[in-house]
Every structure is written in C-alpha cells, then in structure tokens.
Amino acid sequence: MGSEAAAARPVVVTVNGERYEAVGVDPSTTLLEFLRTRTPVRGPKLGCGE
C-alpha cells in the first residue's frame, strides 16, 4: 500500500466523548500535534521532548 492510500484513509479519534476525524493529516503528525491543532483540547503537553 502506497503512502497516498494511507494518507487518504481517515483516522477517527474520540476524545472526552467527542469524535474527531483526521482527514488529510500529514503522516508525520504526532497525536499531540493533532490534539492541540485540530481539536479544542489544550491540556496535553510534551513530556520529555524525545
């Protein structure tokens, strides 16, 4: 399966009972980046930076 096929497949994330669909998100995006930029969730912080 090529990277285009993987990028086109949506990922669904449920946070605090709310459903968010990750469509068109760069495959290198971390869960933390997704949460802080695509949802109203602002509590998660990067712990060790590695």
N, C-alpha and C. Protein backbone atom coordinates (compact mmCIF):
# COMPACT_ATOMS: atom_id res chain seq x y z
N MET A 1 0.85 -1.17 0.00
CA MET A 1 0.00 0.00 0.00
C MET A 1 0.90 1.23 0.00
N GLY A 2 0.67 2.15 -0.91
CA GLY A 2 1.49 3.35 -1.03
C GLY A 2 1.12 4.40 -0.01
N SER A 3 1.95 5.41 0.08
CA SER A 3 1.69 6.48 1.06
C SER A 3 0.44 7.26 0.71
N GLU A 4 0.09 7.34 -0.59
CA GLU A 4 -1.13 8.05 -0.98
C GLU A 4 -2.36 7.35 -0.43
N ALA A 5 -2.38 6.02 -0.49
CA ALA A 5 -3.52 5.27 0.02
C ALA A 5 -3.63 5.42 1.53
N ALA A 6 -2.50 5.40 2.22
CA ALA A 6 -2.52 5.55 3.68
C ALA A 6 -2.98 6.95 4.07
N ALA A 7 -2.55 7.97 3.33
CA ALA A 7 -2.93 9.34 3.64
C ALA A 7 -4.41 9.59 3.39
N ALA A 8 -5.00 8.86 2.44
CA ALA A 8 -6.39 9.07 2.09
C ALA A 8 -7.34 8.39 3.08
N ARG A 9 -6.84 7.48 3.88
CA ARG A 9 -7.67 6.76 4.82
C ARG A 9 -7.86 7.58 6.10
N PRO A 10 -9.09 7.90 6.46
CA PRO A 10 -9.30 8.72 7.67
C PRO A 10 -9.05 7.92 8.94
N VAL A 11 -8.62 8.63 9.95
CA VAL A 11 -8.44 8.06 11.28
C VAL A 11 -9.43 8.79 12.18
N VAL A 12 -10.18 8.03 12.96
CA VAL A 12 -11.17 8.63 13.85
C VAL A 12 -10.65 8.54 15.28
N VAL A 13 -10.67 9.68 15.96
CA VAL A 13 -10.20 9.77 17.34
C VAL A 13 -11.36 10.28 18.19
N THR A 14 -11.59 9.63 19.32
CA THR A 14 -12.62 10.10 20.25
C THR A 14 -11.92 10.61 21.51
N VAL A 15 -12.16 11.87 21.83
CA VAL A 15 -11.54 12.50 23.00
C VAL A 15 -12.65 13.10 23.85
N ASN A 16 -12.71 12.68 25.09
CA ASN A 16 -13.73 13.19 26.02
C ASN A 16 -15.14 13.08 25.43
N GLY A 17 -15.39 11.98 24.73
CA GLY A 17 -16.71 11.73 24.17
C GLY A 17 -16.99 12.43 22.85
N GLU A 18 -16.06 13.25 22.37
CA GLU A 18 -16.23 13.96 21.09
C GLU A 18 -15.43 13.23 20.01
N ARG A 19 -16.03 13.11 18.83
CA ARG A 19 -15.41 12.39 17.72
C ARG A 19 -14.73 13.39 16.78
N TYR A 20 -13.48 13.10 16.44
CA TYR A 20 -12.72 13.93 15.51
C TYR A 20 -12.17 13.03 14.42
N GLU A 21 -12.33 13.45 13.18
CA GLU A 21 -11.85 12.66 12.05
C GLU A 21 -10.61 13.34 11.47
N ALA A 22 -9.54 12.58 11.40
CA ALA A 22 -8.28 13.09 10.88
C ALA A 22 -8.19 12.75 9.40
N VAL A 23 -8.57 13.70 8.56
CA VAL A 23 -8.51 13.52 7.11
C VAL A 23 -7.51 14.52 6.57
N GLY A 24 -6.60 14.05 5.74
CA GLY A 24 -5.62 14.94 5.14
C GLY A 24 -4.54 15.39 6.10
N VAL A 25 -4.34 14.65 7.17
CA VAL A 25 -3.29 14.98 8.14
C VAL A 25 -1.98 14.36 7.67
N ASP A 26 -0.92 15.13 7.74
CA ASP A 26 0.40 14.63 7.35
C ASP A 26 0.73 13.39 8.19
N PRO A 27 1.22 12.33 7.57
CA PRO A 27 1.53 11.10 8.32
C PRO A 27 2.56 11.29 9.43
N SER A 28 3.35 12.35 9.37
CA SER A 28 4.36 12.57 10.42
C SER A 28 3.80 13.37 11.60
N THR A 29 2.53 13.75 11.55
CA THR A 29 1.89 14.49 12.63
C THR A 29 1.76 13.60 13.86
N THR A 30 2.19 14.11 15.00
CA THR A 30 2.05 13.33 16.23
C THR A 30 0.64 13.49 16.78
N LEU A 31 0.27 12.59 17.67
CA LEU A 31 -1.04 12.69 18.30
C LEU A 31 -1.14 14.00 19.08
N LEU A 32 -0.07 14.40 19.74
CA LEU A 32 -0.08 15.67 20.48
C LEU A 32 -0.35 16.84 19.55
N GLU A 33 0.34 16.90 18.41
CA GLU A 33 0.11 17.97 17.44
C GLU A 33 -1.34 17.97 16.96
N PHE A 34 -1.85 16.79 16.65
CA PHE A 34 -3.23 16.69 16.19
C PHE A 34 -4.20 17.21 17.24
N LEU A 35 -4.03 16.77 18.47
CA LEU A 35 -4.94 17.19 19.54
C LEU A 35 -4.91 18.70 19.74
N ARG A 36 -3.73 19.28 19.72
CA ARG A 36 -3.61 20.71 20.01
C ARG A 36 -3.97 21.61 18.83
N THR A 37 -3.93 21.09 17.59
CA THR A 37 -4.22 21.93 16.44
C THR A 37 -5.56 21.66 15.78
N ARG A 38 -6.10 20.47 15.97
CA ARG A 38 -7.34 20.10 15.27
C ARG A 38 -8.52 19.86 16.20
N THR A 39 -8.30 20.00 17.51
CA THR A 39 -9.37 19.83 18.48
C THR A 39 -9.27 20.96 19.50
N PRO A 40 -10.29 21.16 20.31
CA PRO A 40 -10.21 22.20 21.34
C PRO A 40 -9.40 21.76 22.57
N VAL A 41 -8.84 20.57 22.54
CA VAL A 41 -8.07 20.04 23.67
C VAL A 41 -6.73 20.76 23.75
N ARG A 42 -6.42 21.35 24.90
CA ARG A 42 -5.16 22.07 25.07
C ARG A 42 -4.36 21.57 26.27
N GLY A 43 -4.89 20.62 27.00
CA GLY A 43 -4.23 20.13 28.21
C GLY A 43 -2.97 19.31 27.98
N PRO A 44 -2.94 18.43 26.96
CA PRO A 44 -1.76 17.58 26.79
C PRO A 44 -0.50 18.39 26.50
N LYS A 45 0.57 17.99 27.15
CA LYS A 45 1.87 18.66 26.97
C LYS A 45 2.91 17.61 26.60
N LEU A 46 3.95 18.03 25.90
CA LEU A 46 5.06 17.15 25.56
C LEU A 46 5.89 16.95 26.81
N GLY A 47 6.08 15.68 27.19
CA GLY A 47 6.77 15.38 28.44
C GLY A 47 8.27 15.51 28.39
N CYS A 48 8.93 14.65 27.64
CA CYS A 48 10.39 14.63 27.69
C CYS A 48 11.01 15.23 26.43
N GLY A 49 10.26 15.42 25.38
CA GLY A 49 10.79 16.02 24.17
C GLY A 49 11.60 15.09 23.30
N GLU A 50 11.59 13.80 23.60
CA GLU A 50 12.33 12.84 22.79
C GLU A 50 11.39 11.86 22.14
